[in-house]
Amino acid sequence: MSVDLSKYKKDFPIFARKVRGGNPLIYLDSGATSQKPESVISAEADFYRTINAAVHRGAHLLAEEASEAYESARANVAKFIGAKTDEVVFTKSATESLNMIAYSLGNLGSTPHISAGDEIVVSEMEHHANLIPWQQLAKRTGAKLTWFSITKDGRLDLSDISSVITKKTKIVAITHQSNVFGTIVPLSEITKAAHAVGALVVLDACQSAPHFSIDVKKLDVDFLAFSGHKTLGPTGVGVLWGKADVLEKLEPALFGGSMVDSVTMESATWANVPRKFEAGVPNMAQAVGLSAAIDYLNIVGMDKIFEHEQELTEQLLSGLSKISGVNVVGPLDMKDRGGVISFTVDGVHPHDVGQVLDQYGIAVRTGHHCAWPLMKKLNLVGTTRASFHLYNDSNDIYALLEAIEKVKSYFKVGK
């Protein structure tokens, strides 16, 4: 392969263990959560060991050091996505980030405020986390939920974009890369149409930010969310980015300590962005761990990671095309697609495929992938999904292809 990242695998302690049957771990489920390098594990643990204190709340040394580490993490995340530091809000997950935006946009006092007659646009390929919050916002406010359909090859159908994004559209919430198809959406066409009618664009970057370079200014979106645990970082921390002027006009969704400017028995006023969206003691150690993950990604290089995953994806697509009875669900070529491949095996339930692969130490995702509407559209109960990160290599692909042949043999497929 033209990009060799093999030296980095040793940085991930989990690959030193054995799994079922004494097999080495072949982890092909990074779309669900990524593995963590030792530097991330140590950064989070060292926060607890050396400077653990509630940030922004104390005058003692530990509180000062904890606050400095937390705000440094914010600045590091901002730089990673090309944002201003005060535009980055820490949450517990990307799911919480998306829910916060949806809830805030339904709050009285927010500008814009979603109300009856407005329209919210999503797509048929959304993860539940970028679908249900908008369903609920529409239900609360009387707005209408509309969506882009998909093409037969797993891409967004934008042929009727002018009838989907209309003068009534206030929000377009879209995935950057499908967690089922691996499709990277044609974002510029969508943002141009949305902004032409004054709509805000919310981008679910959970499957993109961990795998290729993100610059919020170039993307020209208004909000962006991604999760720490898919980005080599800890669980329990997510990122919400929003344009400063838009964040200033939104009412917060969570209330409590740290997010206030002043409080009386009758009322309260809010702290400045981003703190008005961070009620309570935040996920401090996790934010520090995420910052260490970003440092690690920067050392490897996001462009190298993307190129590496492209090579693995091409290798797997080619290999699967040669196995009869195996069908890729989604794009069959490398145009605008990332390192996620879903497939089915004729006559075998995806869960059974996953269990057989597990016997050979291969961890994949099976099921509906939190995308039930998409599965119903495809008339599938689910798929088997392989997804990559920098610690995977060609040998993992060979092992997967060999194991799929064993699945066919086990279930007598094609016999």
Protein backbone atom coordinates (compact mmCIF):
# COMPACT_ATOMS: atom_id res chain seq x y z
CA MET A 1 0.00 0.00 0.00
CA SER A 2 1.21 3.51 -0.74
CA VAL A 3 0.45 4.74 2.79
CA ASP A 4 1.98 2.62 5.53
CA LEU A 5 0.57 3.35 8.99
CA SER A 6 1.53 -0.01 10.49
CA LYS A 7 3.91 1.51 13.04
CA TYR A 8 1.01 3.15 14.84
CA LYS A 9 -0.88 -0.02 15.70
CA LYS A 10 1.42 -0.74 18.63
CA ASP A 11 0.18 2.48 20.28
CA PHE A 12 -3.23 0.86 20.88
CA PRO A 13 -3.05 -1.46 23.90
CA ILE A 14 -6.21 -3.38 23.04
CA PHE A 15 -4.51 -5.04 20.08
CA ALA A 16 -2.17 -6.88 22.43
CA ARG A 17 -5.05 -9.06 23.65
CA LYS A 18 -6.48 -12.24 22.21
CA VAL A 19 -10.17 -12.80 21.57
CA ARG A 20 -12.31 -15.87 20.79
CA GLY A 21 -10.38 -19.00 19.96
CA GLY A 22 -7.14 -17.32 20.94
CA ASN A 23 -7.28 -15.25 17.77
CA PRO A 24 -5.71 -11.79 17.52
CA LEU A 25 -8.26 -8.99 17.41
CA ILE A 26 -9.19 -7.70 13.96
CA TYR A 27 -11.28 -4.65 14.74
CA LEU A 28 -13.50 -3.51 11.89
CA ASP A 29 -16.09 -1.59 13.89
CA SER A 30 -14.63 1.90 14.14
CA GLY A 31 -17.85 3.36 12.74
CA ALA A 32 -19.43 2.41 16.07
CA THR A 33 -16.49 3.43 18.26
CA SER A 34 -12.77 3.72 17.70
CA GLN A 35 -9.99 2.19 19.74
CA LYS A 36 -7.80 4.44 21.92
CA PRO A 37 -4.04 4.97 21.82
CA GLU A 38 -2.10 4.86 25.07
CA SER A 39 -1.57 8.64 24.96
CA VAL A 40 -5.33 9.21 25.20
CA ILE A 41 -5.79 6.70 28.01
CA SER A 42 -2.91 8.29 29.93
CA ALA A 43 -4.12 11.86 29.37
CA GLU A 44 -7.53 11.10 30.83
CA ALA A 45 -6.11 9.09 33.72
CA ASP A 46 -3.45 11.72 34.48
CA PHE A 47 -6.11 14.41 34.79
CA TYR A 48 -7.63 12.39 37.63
CA ARG A 49 -4.24 11.56 39.10
CA THR A 50 -2.78 15.06 39.15
CA ILE A 51 -5.19 18.00 38.65
CA ASN A 52 -8.72 16.71 39.28
CA ALA A 53 -10.96 19.61 40.32
CA ALA A 54 -14.17 21.24 39.11
CA VAL A 55 -13.34 23.72 36.36
CA HIS A 56 -14.33 27.40 36.51
CA ARG A 57 -15.36 27.07 40.17
CA GLY A 58 -12.40 27.37 42.50
CA ALA A 59 -9.57 29.75 43.34
CA HIS A 60 -7.16 27.00 44.37
CA LEU A 61 -4.30 25.63 42.30
CA LEU A 62 -6.00 22.41 41.18
CA ALA A 63 -9.04 24.33 39.96
CA GLU A 64 -6.82 26.71 38.01
CA GLU A 65 -4.87 23.87 36.41
CA ALA A 66 -8.00 21.89 35.62
CA SER A 67 -9.64 24.94 34.05
CA GLU A 68 -6.54 25.66 31.99
CA ALA A 69 -6.41 22.04 30.74
CA TYR A 70 -10.11 22.09 29.88
CA GLU A 71 -9.95 25.37 27.98
CA SER A 72 -6.77 24.28 26.21
CA ALA A 73 -8.69 21.22 25.04
CA ARG A 74 -11.41 23.50 23.68
CA ALA A 75 -8.83 25.54 21.77
CA ASN A 76 -7.29 22.35 20.36
CA VAL A 77 -10.65 21.06 19.16
CA ALA A 78 -11.41 24.43 17.59
CA LYS A 79 -8.14 24.42 15.67
CA PHE A 80 -8.80 20.84 14.52
CA ILE A 81 -12.00 21.90 12.74
CA GLY A 82 -10.92 25.40 11.71
CA ALA A 83 -13.16 27.17 14.21
CA LYS A 84 -12.93 29.97 16.75
CA THR A 85 -12.36 28.75 20.29
CA ASP A 86 -15.54 30.28 21.74
CA GLU A 87 -17.64 28.53 19.07
CA VAL A 88 -16.87 25.06 20.50
CA VAL A 89 -19.24 23.60 23.09
CA PHE A 90 -18.41 20.38 24.93
CA THR A 91 -21.28 17.92 25.41
CA LYS A 92 -21.44 14.31 26.50
CA SER A 93 -21.95 13.02 22.94
CA ALA A 94 -22.78 14.00 19.38
CA THR A 95 -26.30 12.80 20.11
CA GLU A 96 -26.60 15.32 22.92
CA SER A 97 -25.12 18.00 20.63
CA LEU A 98 -27.79 17.43 17.99
CA ASN A 99 -30.55 17.27 20.59
CA MET A 100 -29.35 20.53 22.13
CA ILE A 101 -29.55 22.36 18.81
CA ALA A 102 -32.99 20.94 18.05
CA TYR A 103 -34.30 21.79 21.51
CA SER A 104 -32.84 25.29 21.51
CA LEU A 105 -34.34 26.06 18.11
CA GLY A 106 -37.76 25.24 19.56
CA ASN A 107 -37.31 27.45 22.61
CA LEU A 108 -39.14 30.77 22.75
CA GLY A 109 -36.60 33.55 22.57
CA SER A 110 -34.32 31.74 20.15
CA THR A 111 -33.64 33.31 16.77
CA PRO A 112 -34.59 31.68 14.54
CA HIS A 113 -37.46 30.02 16.37
CA ILE A 114 -39.04 27.04 14.65
CA SER A 115 -42.83 27.30 14.56
CA ALA A 116 -45.90 25.91 12.82
CA GLY A 117 -45.65 26.10 9.05
CA ASP A 118 -41.85 25.94 8.98
CA GLU A 119 -40.09 23.01 7.33
CA ILE A 120 -37.15 20.91 8.52
CA VAL A 121 -35.22 18.88 5.94
CA VAL A 122 -33.31 15.66 6.64
CA SER A 123 -32.49 12.63 4.47
CA GLU A 124 -33.40 8.96 4.33
CA MET A 125 -29.83 7.99 5.22
CA GLU A 126 -29.72 9.74 8.60
CA HIS A 127 -28.65 8.03 11.80
CA HIS A 128 -31.41 8.10 14.42
CA ALA A 129 -29.42 10.77 16.29
CA ASN A 130 -29.90 13.17 13.38
CA LEU A 131 -33.48 12.17 12.68
CA ILE A 132 -35.43 11.73 15.91
CA PRO A 133 -34.49 15.14 17.43
CA TRP A 134 -35.90 16.82 14.31
CA GLN A 135 -38.99 14.61 14.35
CA GLN A 136 -39.58 15.70 17.92
CA LEU A 137 -38.94 19.37 17.15
CA ALA A 138 -41.50 19.20 14.35
CA LYS A 139 -43.97 17.48 16.68
CA ARG A 140 -43.52 20.11 19.42
CA THR A 141 -43.78 23.12 17.15
CA GLY A 142 -46.11 22.06 14.35
CA ALA A 143 -43.34 22.29 11.77
CA LYS A 144 -43.21 19.83 8.88
CA LEU A 145 -40.43 17.28 8.43
CA THR A 146 -39.39 16.62 4.82
CA TRP A 147 -36.46 14.69 3.41
CA PHE A 148 -34.19 13.83 0.53
CA SER A 149 -34.59 10.32 -0.82
CA ILE A 150 -31.74 8.05 -1.87
CA THR A 151 -30.71 6.63 -5.22
CA LYS A 152 -30.30 2.93 -5.97
CA ASP A 153 -26.54 3.16 -5.47
CA GLY A 154 -26.82 4.70 -2.02
CA ARG A 155 -26.37 8.37 -2.77
CA LEU A 156 -28.56 11.37 -2.02
CA ASP A 157 -31.09 12.14 -4.72
CA LEU A 158 -30.78 15.89 -5.24
CA SER A 159 -32.67 15.94 -8.53
CA ASP A 160 -35.61 17.67 -6.84
CA ILE A 161 -33.61 19.82 -4.43
CA SER A 162 -35.65 22.93 -5.25
CA SER A 163 -38.85 21.21 -4.17
CA VAL A 164 -37.31 19.79 -0.98
CA ILE A 165 -35.55 22.97 0.17
CA THR A 166 -38.13 25.74 -0.18
CA LYS A 167 -38.87 29.19 1.20
CA LYS A 168 -40.49 27.45 4.17
CA THR A 169 -37.30 25.56 5.04
CA LYS A 170 -35.65 26.75 8.25
CA ILE A 171 -33.32 23.83 9.03
CA VAL A 172 -31.42 21.34 6.86
CA ALA A 173 -29.90 18.61 9.04
CA ILE A 174 -27.73 16.23 7.06
CA THR A 175 -25.05 13.61 7.58
CA HIS A 176 -21.61 14.32 6.15
CA GLN A 177 -20.87 10.64 5.56
CA SER A 178 -23.44 7.86 5.83
CA ASN A 179 -22.76 5.37 8.61
CA VAL A 180 -24.38 2.65 6.45
CA PHE A 181 -23.31 3.40 2.88
CA GLY A 182 -20.06 5.27 3.47
CA THR A 183 -21.39 7.89 1.05
CA ILE A 184 -19.93 11.38 1.41
CA VAL A 185 -22.76 13.78 0.57
CA PRO A 186 -22.43 16.64 -1.97
CA LEU A 187 -22.55 19.23 0.78
CA SER A 188 -21.82 22.38 -1.20
CA GLU A 189 -24.94 21.97 -3.33
CA ILE A 190 -27.04 21.54 -0.20
CA THR A 191 -25.58 24.48 1.73
CA LYS A 192 -25.95 26.76 -1.28
CA ALA A 193 -29.63 25.88 -1.64
CA ALA A 194 -30.28 26.12 2.11
CA HIS A 195 -28.61 29.49 2.59
CA ALA A 196 -30.36 30.88 -0.50
CA VAL A 197 -33.66 30.58 1.39
CA GLY A 198 -32.19 31.64 4.76
CA ALA A 199 -32.11 28.15 6.28
CA LEU A 200 -29.51 26.90 8.76
CA VAL A 201 -27.44 23.81 7.97
CA VAL A 202 -26.69 21.29 10.73
CA LEU A 203 -24.00 18.75 9.86
CA ASP A 204 -23.63 15.35 11.52
CA ALA A 205 -19.86 14.85 11.20
CA CYS A 206 -19.59 11.71 13.34
CA GLN A 207 -18.35 9.61 10.42
CA SER A 208 -16.24 12.31 8.80
CA ALA A 209 -14.36 14.28 11.47
CA PRO A 210 -12.44 11.17 12.67
CA HIS A 211 -11.34 10.23 9.16
CA PHE A 212 -10.56 13.28 7.04
CA SER A 213 -9.79 16.97 7.45
CA ILE A 214 -12.68 19.22 8.47
CA ASP A 215 -12.76 23.00 8.09
CA VAL A 216 -16.06 24.52 9.17
CA LYS A 217 -15.43 27.71 7.21
CA LYS A 218 -14.91 25.81 3.95
CA LEU A 219 -17.87 23.55 4.65
CA ASP A 220 -20.04 26.65 5.10
CA VAL A 221 -22.38 25.01 7.58
CA ASP A 222 -23.95 26.68 10.62
CA PHE A 223 -23.68 23.84 13.15
CA LEU A 224 -21.54 20.71 13.30
CA ALA A 225 -21.49 17.81 15.74
CA PHE A 226 -19.12 14.91 16.27
CA SER A 227 -18.31 12.45 19.02
CA GLY A 228 -15.07 11.97 20.92
CA HIS A 229 -15.25 8.19 21.13
CA LYS A 230 -15.21 7.76 17.33
CA THR A 231 -12.23 10.14 17.09
CA LEU A 232 -9.78 7.96 19.09
CA GLY A 233 -10.94 9.85 22.18
CA PRO A 234 -12.78 8.85 25.36
CA THR A 235 -16.44 8.05 25.68
CA GLY A 236 -18.63 10.63 27.38
CA VAL A 237 -17.53 13.69 25.41
CA GLY A 238 -18.96 15.22 22.26
CA VAL A 239 -18.50 18.44 20.34
CA LEU A 240 -21.05 20.97 19.22
CA TRP A 241 -19.76 23.73 16.97
CA GLY A 242 -21.88 26.66 15.87
CA LYS A 243 -21.28 30.02 14.26
CA ALA A 244 -20.79 32.55 17.05
CA ASP A 245 -23.53 34.90 15.91
CA VAL A 246 -26.05 32.06 15.71
CA LEU A 247 -25.09 30.61 19.10
CA GLU A 248 -25.52 34.03 20.69
CA LYS A 249 -29.13 34.18 19.49
CA LEU A 250 -30.10 30.74 20.79
CA GLU A 251 -31.63 30.02 24.17
CA PRO A 252 -29.84 27.22 26.06
CA ALA A 253 -31.39 23.78 26.42
CA LEU A 254 -29.83 22.76 29.76
CA PHE A 255 -29.84 24.86 32.92
CA GLY A 256 -27.92 24.91 36.19
CA GLY A 257 -24.55 25.98 37.52
CA SER A 258 -21.76 27.52 35.45
CA MET A 259 -24.01 28.60 32.57
CA VAL A 260 -25.40 31.70 34.28
CA ASP A 261 -24.35 35.33 34.48
CA SER A 262 -26.70 36.26 37.32
CA VAL A 263 -29.56 34.61 39.21
CA THR A 264 -32.41 35.88 41.37
CA MET A 265 -35.33 33.95 42.85
CA GLU A 266 -37.44 35.05 39.89
CA SER A 267 -35.10 34.90 36.90
CA ALA A 268 -31.64 34.28 35.48
CA THR A 269 -29.42 35.58 32.72
CA TRP A 270 -26.97 33.49 30.79
CA ALA A 271 -23.18 33.46 30.59
CA ASN A 272 -21.47 34.14 27.30
CA VAL A 273 -21.07 31.49 24.61
CA PRO A 274 -19.88 28.75 24.91
CA ARG A 275 -20.45 28.49 28.66
CA LYS A 276 -24.18 29.18 28.46
CA PHE A 277 -24.52 25.78 26.79
CA GLU A 278 -22.40 23.90 29.36
CA ALA A 279 -24.56 23.56 32.46
CA GLY A 280 -23.02 21.81 35.46
CA VAL A 281 -19.54 20.42 35.94
CA PRO A 282 -18.49 19.34 32.42
CA ASN A 283 -16.72 16.21 31.24
CA MET A 284 -13.31 17.61 32.06
CA ALA A 285 -11.08 14.56 31.92
CA GLN A 286 -12.82 13.36 28.79
CA ALA A 287 -12.23 16.72 27.07
CA VAL A 288 -8.55 16.47 27.96
CA GLY A 289 -8.50 12.93 26.58
CA LEU A 290 -10.14 14.14 23.35
CA SER A 291 -7.50 16.82 23.02
CA ALA A 292 -4.81 14.12 23.29
CA ALA A 293 -6.62 12.16 20.59
CA ILE A 294 -6.57 15.17 18.31
CA ASP A 295 -2.85 15.59 18.97
CA TYR A 296 -2.39 11.98 17.95
CA LEU A 297 -4.45 12.35 14.78
CA ASN A 298 -2.47 15.44 13.85
CA ILE A 299 0.81 13.55 14.28
CA VAL A 300 -0.35 10.79 11.95
CA GLY A 301 -1.93 13.28 9.56
CA MET A 302 -5.59 13.40 8.56
CA ASP A 303 -4.76 13.33 4.85
CA LYS A 304 -2.70 10.17 5.34
CA ILE A 305 -5.49 8.56 7.36
CA PHE A 306 -8.02 9.32 4.63
CA GLU A 307 -5.75 7.99 1.88
CA HIS A 308 -5.01 4.86 3.91
CA GLU A 309 -8.70 4.16 4.48
CA GLN A 310 -9.44 4.79 0.81
CA GLU A 311 -6.96 2.07 -0.13
CA LEU A 312 -8.50 -0.38 2.34
CA THR A 313 -12.01 0.43 1.10
CA GLU A 314 -11.02 -0.13 -2.51
CA GLN A 315 -9.37 -3.42 -1.58
CA LEU A 316 -12.45 -4.67 0.24
CA LEU A 317 -14.86 -3.56 -2.49
CA SER A 318 -12.76 -5.40 -5.05
CA GLY A 319 -12.59 -8.53 -2.91
CA LEU A 320 -16.30 -8.61 -2.15
CA SER A 321 -17.16 -8.22 -5.85
CA LYS A 322 -15.47 -11.57 -6.49
CA ILE A 323 -17.50 -13.53 -3.91
CA SER A 324 -20.80 -14.84 -5.27
CA GLY A 325 -23.82 -14.30 -3.07
CA VAL A 326 -22.31 -11.27 -1.35
CA ASN A 327 -23.88 -7.90 -2.13
CA VAL A 328 -22.49 -4.49 -1.19
CA VAL A 329 -25.17 -2.09 0.04
CA GLY A 330 -24.16 1.35 -1.19
CA PRO A 331 -21.71 2.79 -3.74
CA LEU A 332 -19.64 0.22 -5.61
CA ASP A 333 -16.98 2.71 -6.66
CA MET A 334 -14.69 5.09 -4.80
CA LYS A 335 -16.38 8.34 -5.84
CA ASP A 336 -17.30 10.37 -2.74
CA ARG A 337 -17.18 7.49 -0.28
CA GLY A 338 -15.36 6.77 2.94
CA GLY A 339 -14.15 3.72 4.86
CA VAL A 340 -17.52 2.15 5.66
CA ILE A 341 -18.82 -0.86 3.72
CA SER A 342 -22.14 -2.60 4.38
CA PHE A 343 -22.92 -5.92 2.76
CA THR A 344 -25.28 -8.87 2.85
CA VAL A 345 -24.73 -12.59 2.34
CA ASP A 346 -27.55 -14.33 0.48
CA GLY A 347 -29.64 -16.49 2.77
CA VAL A 348 -27.75 -15.59 5.96
CA HIS A 349 -28.99 -13.16 8.61
CA PRO A 350 -26.47 -10.37 9.33
CA HIS A 351 -26.31 -11.38 13.00
CA ASP A 352 -25.30 -14.90 11.98
CA VAL A 353 -22.63 -13.48 9.69
CA GLY A 354 -21.27 -11.41 12.55
CA GLN A 355 -21.21 -14.34 14.96
CA VAL A 356 -19.25 -16.52 12.54
CA LEU A 357 -16.76 -13.73 11.86
CA ASP A 358 -16.37 -13.29 15.61
CA GLN A 359 -15.16 -16.87 15.89
CA TYR A 360 -12.13 -15.80 13.84
CA GLY A 361 -11.46 -12.69 15.93
CA ILE A 362 -13.10 -10.31 13.45
CA ALA A 363 -15.28 -7.63 15.03
CA VAL A 364 -17.86 -6.08 12.71
CA ARG A 365 -21.19 -4.35 13.26
CA THR A 366 -24.44 -6.09 12.36
CA GLY A 367 -28.06 -4.93 12.35
CA HIS A 368 -29.88 -1.77 11.30
CA HIS A 369 -27.06 0.60 12.38
CA CYS A 370 -29.51 3.02 14.03
CA ALA A 371 -31.03 3.65 10.62
CA TRP A 372 -34.35 1.80 10.65
CA PRO A 373 -36.08 3.99 8.04
CA LEU A 374 -33.20 3.39 5.64
CA MET A 375 -33.33 -0.38 6.17
CA LYS A 376 -37.08 -0.36 5.52
CA LYS A 377 -36.50 1.62 2.33
CA LEU A 378 -33.94 -0.99 1.24
CA ASN A 379 -36.23 -3.85 2.34
CA LEU A 380 -33.49 -5.28 4.53
CA VAL A 381 -33.51 -6.54 8.11
CA GLY A 382 -30.00 -5.22 8.41
CA THR A 383 -26.49 -5.54 7.03
CA THR A 384 -23.02 -6.54 8.11
CA ARG A 385 -20.76 -3.50 8.24
CA ALA A 386 -16.98 -3.20 8.18
CA SER A 387 -15.50 0.19 9.05
CA PHE A 388 -11.88 1.24 9.26
CA HIS A 389 -9.42 3.48 11.04
CA LEU A 390 -5.70 4.05 10.91
CA TYR A 391 -4.86 0.85 12.82
CA ASN A 392 -6.31 -1.44 10.12
CA ASP A 393 -4.25 -2.87 7.28
CA SER A 394 -4.45 -5.10 4.20
CA ASN A 395 -4.08 -8.23 6.29
CA ASP A 396 -7.34 -7.35 8.05
CA ILE A 397 -9.09 -7.17 4.69
CA TYR A 398 -7.66 -10.53 3.57
CA ALA A 399 -8.78 -12.10 6.85
CA LEU A 400 -12.29 -10.69 6.47
CA LEU A 401 -12.63 -11.94 2.89
CA GLU A 402 -11.43 -15.42 3.90
CA ALA A 403 -13.84 -15.49 6.82
CA ILE A 404 -16.77 -14.49 4.59
CA GLU A 405 -15.99 -17.51 2.43
CA LYS A 406 -16.16 -19.60 5.62
CA VAL A 407 -19.56 -18.04 6.42
CA LYS A 408 -20.80 -19.20 3.02
CA SER A 409 -19.41 -22.66 3.60
CA TYR A 410 -20.87 -22.89 7.11
CA PHE A 411 -24.36 -21.97 5.94
CA LYS A 412 -23.96 -23.86 2.64
CA VAL A 413 -24.60 -20.71 0.62
CA GLY A 414 -24.38 -21.32 -3.13
CA LYS A 415 -24.11 -25.09 -2.65
